[in-house]
Protein backbone atom coordinates (compact mmCIF):
# COMPACT_ATOMS: atom_id res chain seq x y z
CA MET A 1 268.56 10.76 181.69
CA ALA A 2 266.52 10.65 178.50
CA SER A 3 266.49 13.74 176.31
CA PRO A 4 263.31 15.82 176.39
CA GLU A 5 263.03 15.61 172.59
CA PRO A 6 260.52 12.97 171.48
CA SER A 7 261.98 10.68 168.88
CA ALA A 8 260.14 8.66 166.25
CA ALA A 9 261.75 5.45 167.52
CA GLY A 10 260.52 6.07 171.07
CA ALA A 11 256.95 6.84 170.07
CA GLY A 12 254.38 4.25 171.01
CA ALA A 13 251.21 3.30 169.21
CA GLY A 14 249.31 6.22 170.72
CA GLY A 15 251.94 8.74 169.67
CA GLU A 16 253.39 9.04 173.19
CA SER A 17 257.13 9.17 173.50
CA ALA A 18 259.18 7.42 176.16
CA SER A 19 260.13 10.78 177.70
CA GLN A 20 256.49 11.68 178.35
CA ALA A 21 255.85 8.55 180.37
CA THR A 22 257.02 9.18 183.91
CA ALA A 23 257.88 6.52 186.40
CA VAL A 24 255.61 6.38 189.41
CA GLU A 25 257.55 6.22 192.64
CA PRO A 26 256.20 3.84 195.27
CA ILE A 27 254.71 5.38 198.39
CA ARG A 28 257.00 5.01 201.38
CA MET A 29 255.17 4.51 204.63
CA PRO A 30 256.65 6.29 207.65
CA THR A 31 258.50 4.16 210.15
CA ALA A 32 257.38 3.79 213.75
CA GLU A 33 260.18 6.13 214.85
CA GLU A 34 259.08 8.81 212.39
CA ILE A 35 255.48 8.58 213.58
CA LYS A 36 256.59 8.80 217.22
CA GLY A 37 258.76 11.82 216.40
CA GLN A 38 255.84 13.56 214.68
CA ASP A 39 253.59 12.84 217.65
CA ILE A 40 256.15 14.31 220.04
CA TRP A 41 256.63 17.42 217.88
CA ASN A 42 252.84 17.92 217.61
CA ASN A 43 252.68 18.35 221.39
CA CYS A 44 252.24 22.07 222.08
CA ALA A 45 254.35 21.98 225.25
CA VAL A 46 257.31 20.39 223.46
CA ARG A 47 257.03 22.78 220.52
CA SER A 48 256.83 25.79 222.85
CA VAL A 49 259.80 24.78 224.99
CA VAL A 50 261.94 24.11 221.91
CA SER A 51 260.96 27.50 220.46
CA GLY A 52 261.79 29.17 223.76
CA VAL A 53 265.22 27.54 223.91
CA MET A 54 265.95 28.45 220.29
CA GLY A 55 264.76 32.02 220.93
CA GLY A 56 267.07 32.22 223.92
CA GLY A 57 269.98 31.06 221.78
CA LEU A 58 269.19 33.70 219.17
CA GLY A 59 268.98 36.30 221.92
CA VAL A 60 272.43 35.34 223.23
CA LEU A 61 273.94 35.70 219.77
CA MET A 62 272.24 39.04 219.14
CA GLY A 63 273.30 40.29 222.57
CA LEU A 64 276.91 39.37 221.89
CA PHE A 65 276.81 41.12 218.54
CA PHE A 66 275.10 44.32 219.65
CA GLY A 67 276.96 44.44 222.97
CA ALA A 68 280.25 44.43 221.08
CA LEU A 69 279.13 47.44 219.06
CA GLU A 70 278.60 49.66 222.10
CA ASN A 71 281.40 52.11 222.76
CA PRO A 72 282.07 53.38 226.27
CA ILE A 73 281.31 57.05 226.82
CA MET A 74 284.74 57.75 228.29
CA ALA A 75 286.67 55.74 225.69
CA GLU A 76 289.44 58.33 225.44
CA GLU A 77 290.18 58.19 229.15
CA MET A 78 290.09 54.37 229.45
CA THR A 79 293.03 52.05 228.91
CA ALA A 80 292.74 49.22 226.41
CA ARG A 81 292.23 46.72 229.24
CA GLN A 82 289.43 48.80 230.76
CA GLN A 83 287.73 49.06 227.36
CA ILE A 84 287.93 45.29 226.88
CA VAL A 85 286.48 44.63 230.34
CA TYR A 86 283.73 47.20 229.76
CA THR A 87 282.84 45.68 226.39
CA ALA A 88 282.82 42.15 227.81
CA LYS A 89 280.45 43.22 230.61
CA GLN A 90 278.18 44.97 228.10
CA MET A 91 278.12 41.90 225.89
CA GLY A 92 277.27 39.66 228.85
CA SER A 93 274.48 41.84 230.20
CA ARG A 94 273.05 42.45 226.72
CA SER A 95 273.17 38.72 225.96
CA ILE A 96 271.28 37.77 229.12
CA SER A 97 268.65 40.44 228.54
CA ASN A 98 268.12 39.52 224.88
CA ALA A 99 268.11 35.80 225.68
CA LYS A 100 265.28 36.27 228.19
CA THR A 101 263.25 38.44 225.83
CA PHE A 102 263.62 36.18 222.80
CA ALA A 103 263.01 33.03 224.85
CA VAL A 104 259.75 34.42 226.24
CA MET A 105 258.77 35.70 222.80
CA GLY A 106 259.40 32.33 221.14
CA LEU A 107 257.64 30.41 223.90
CA ILE A 108 254.51 32.61 223.92
CA PHE A 109 254.22 32.81 220.14
CA SER A 110 254.72 29.10 219.59
CA ALA A 111 252.34 28.12 222.39
CA ALA A 112 249.64 30.52 221.20
CA GLU A 113 249.94 29.47 217.56
CA CYS A 114 249.88 25.76 218.45
CA VAL A 115 246.85 26.05 220.76
CA ILE A 116 244.94 28.20 218.25
CA GLU A 117 245.81 25.81 215.42
CA LYS A 118 244.56 22.81 217.39
CA ALA A 119 241.38 24.63 218.50
CA ARG A 120 240.51 25.82 214.99
CA ALA A 121 241.73 22.63 213.28
CA LYS A 122 243.17 24.81 210.51
CA HIS A 123 246.69 25.76 209.50
CA ASP A 124 246.45 29.27 208.06
CA THR A 125 247.54 32.89 208.43
CA THR A 126 244.79 33.70 210.93
CA ASN A 127 246.56 31.53 213.50
CA THR A 128 249.74 33.53 212.93
CA ALA A 129 247.95 36.87 213.28
CA VAL A 130 246.21 35.90 216.53
CA ALA A 131 249.39 34.36 217.98
CA GLY A 132 251.28 37.53 217.05
CA CYS A 133 248.65 39.64 218.76
CA VAL A 134 248.82 37.53 221.91
CA THR A 135 252.63 37.68 221.93
CA GLY A 136 252.86 41.41 221.28
CA GLY A 137 250.24 42.17 223.88
CA ALA A 138 251.88 39.93 226.48
CA LEU A 139 255.30 41.50 225.94
CA ALA A 140 253.91 45.05 226.18
CA VAL A 141 251.47 44.51 229.06
CA LYS A 142 253.69 46.33 231.58
CA GLY A 143 253.26 49.56 229.56
CA GLY A 144 249.50 49.74 230.09
CA PRO A 145 246.46 49.18 227.90
CA LYS A 146 247.55 51.46 225.06
CA ALA A 147 250.98 49.80 224.84
CA THR A 148 249.32 46.39 224.93
CA CYS A 149 247.04 47.28 222.01
CA VAL A 150 249.93 48.73 219.99
CA GLY A 151 252.08 45.69 220.78
CA CYS A 152 249.25 43.38 219.75
CA ALA A 153 248.64 45.15 216.44
CA GLY A 154 252.34 45.61 215.67
CA PHE A 155 253.41 42.06 216.40
CA ALA A 156 250.38 40.63 214.56
CA ALA A 157 251.17 42.73 211.48
CA PHE A 158 254.84 41.76 211.64
CA SER A 159 253.95 38.07 212.03
CA VAL A 160 251.60 38.14 209.04
CA ALA A 161 254.18 40.01 206.95
CA ILE A 162 256.83 37.41 207.74
CA GLU A 163 254.31 34.64 207.05
CA LYS A 164 253.48 36.12 203.66
CA PHE A 165 257.17 36.67 202.88
CA PHE A 166 257.98 33.02 203.49
CA ASP A 167 254.64 31.97 201.97
CA ARG A 168 254.22 29.11 204.42
CA HIS A 169 250.45 28.82 204.00
CA THR A 170 249.16 28.56 200.47
């Protein structure tokens, strides 16, 4: 690679050095497969299902981790085998519960964000806030209207905070 220092030998008639002139890369057109892949991924149903599956996978991993951390109440009175069986059952039940929750959360959030983005024809933080509100409200709806409002506000604020942290929309 050329050194960033301009040299007198490399200077042209206009005083420009060879290092200041940058090569222009040719534009590469996407292939038919890439276009088809983008079209498939832009489908809200596909995006939502994939997000739900990935959320379920994350839930399984978190359930395994947090289930392993639970200690039985009667640990002193249990044999090692009983403790292992108890921990395995806790990990399994926690994994299933977390997988369901995270799958639903990922599916609802992704579907809401995709539909809002297509309806508004914009890709900005407002989509994230509204999708977060829809998701939080939907997850807390069994707790009544107050829980739904708190879930909406909390999940929307969390979604916007994460969005700003990753700075996805400029």
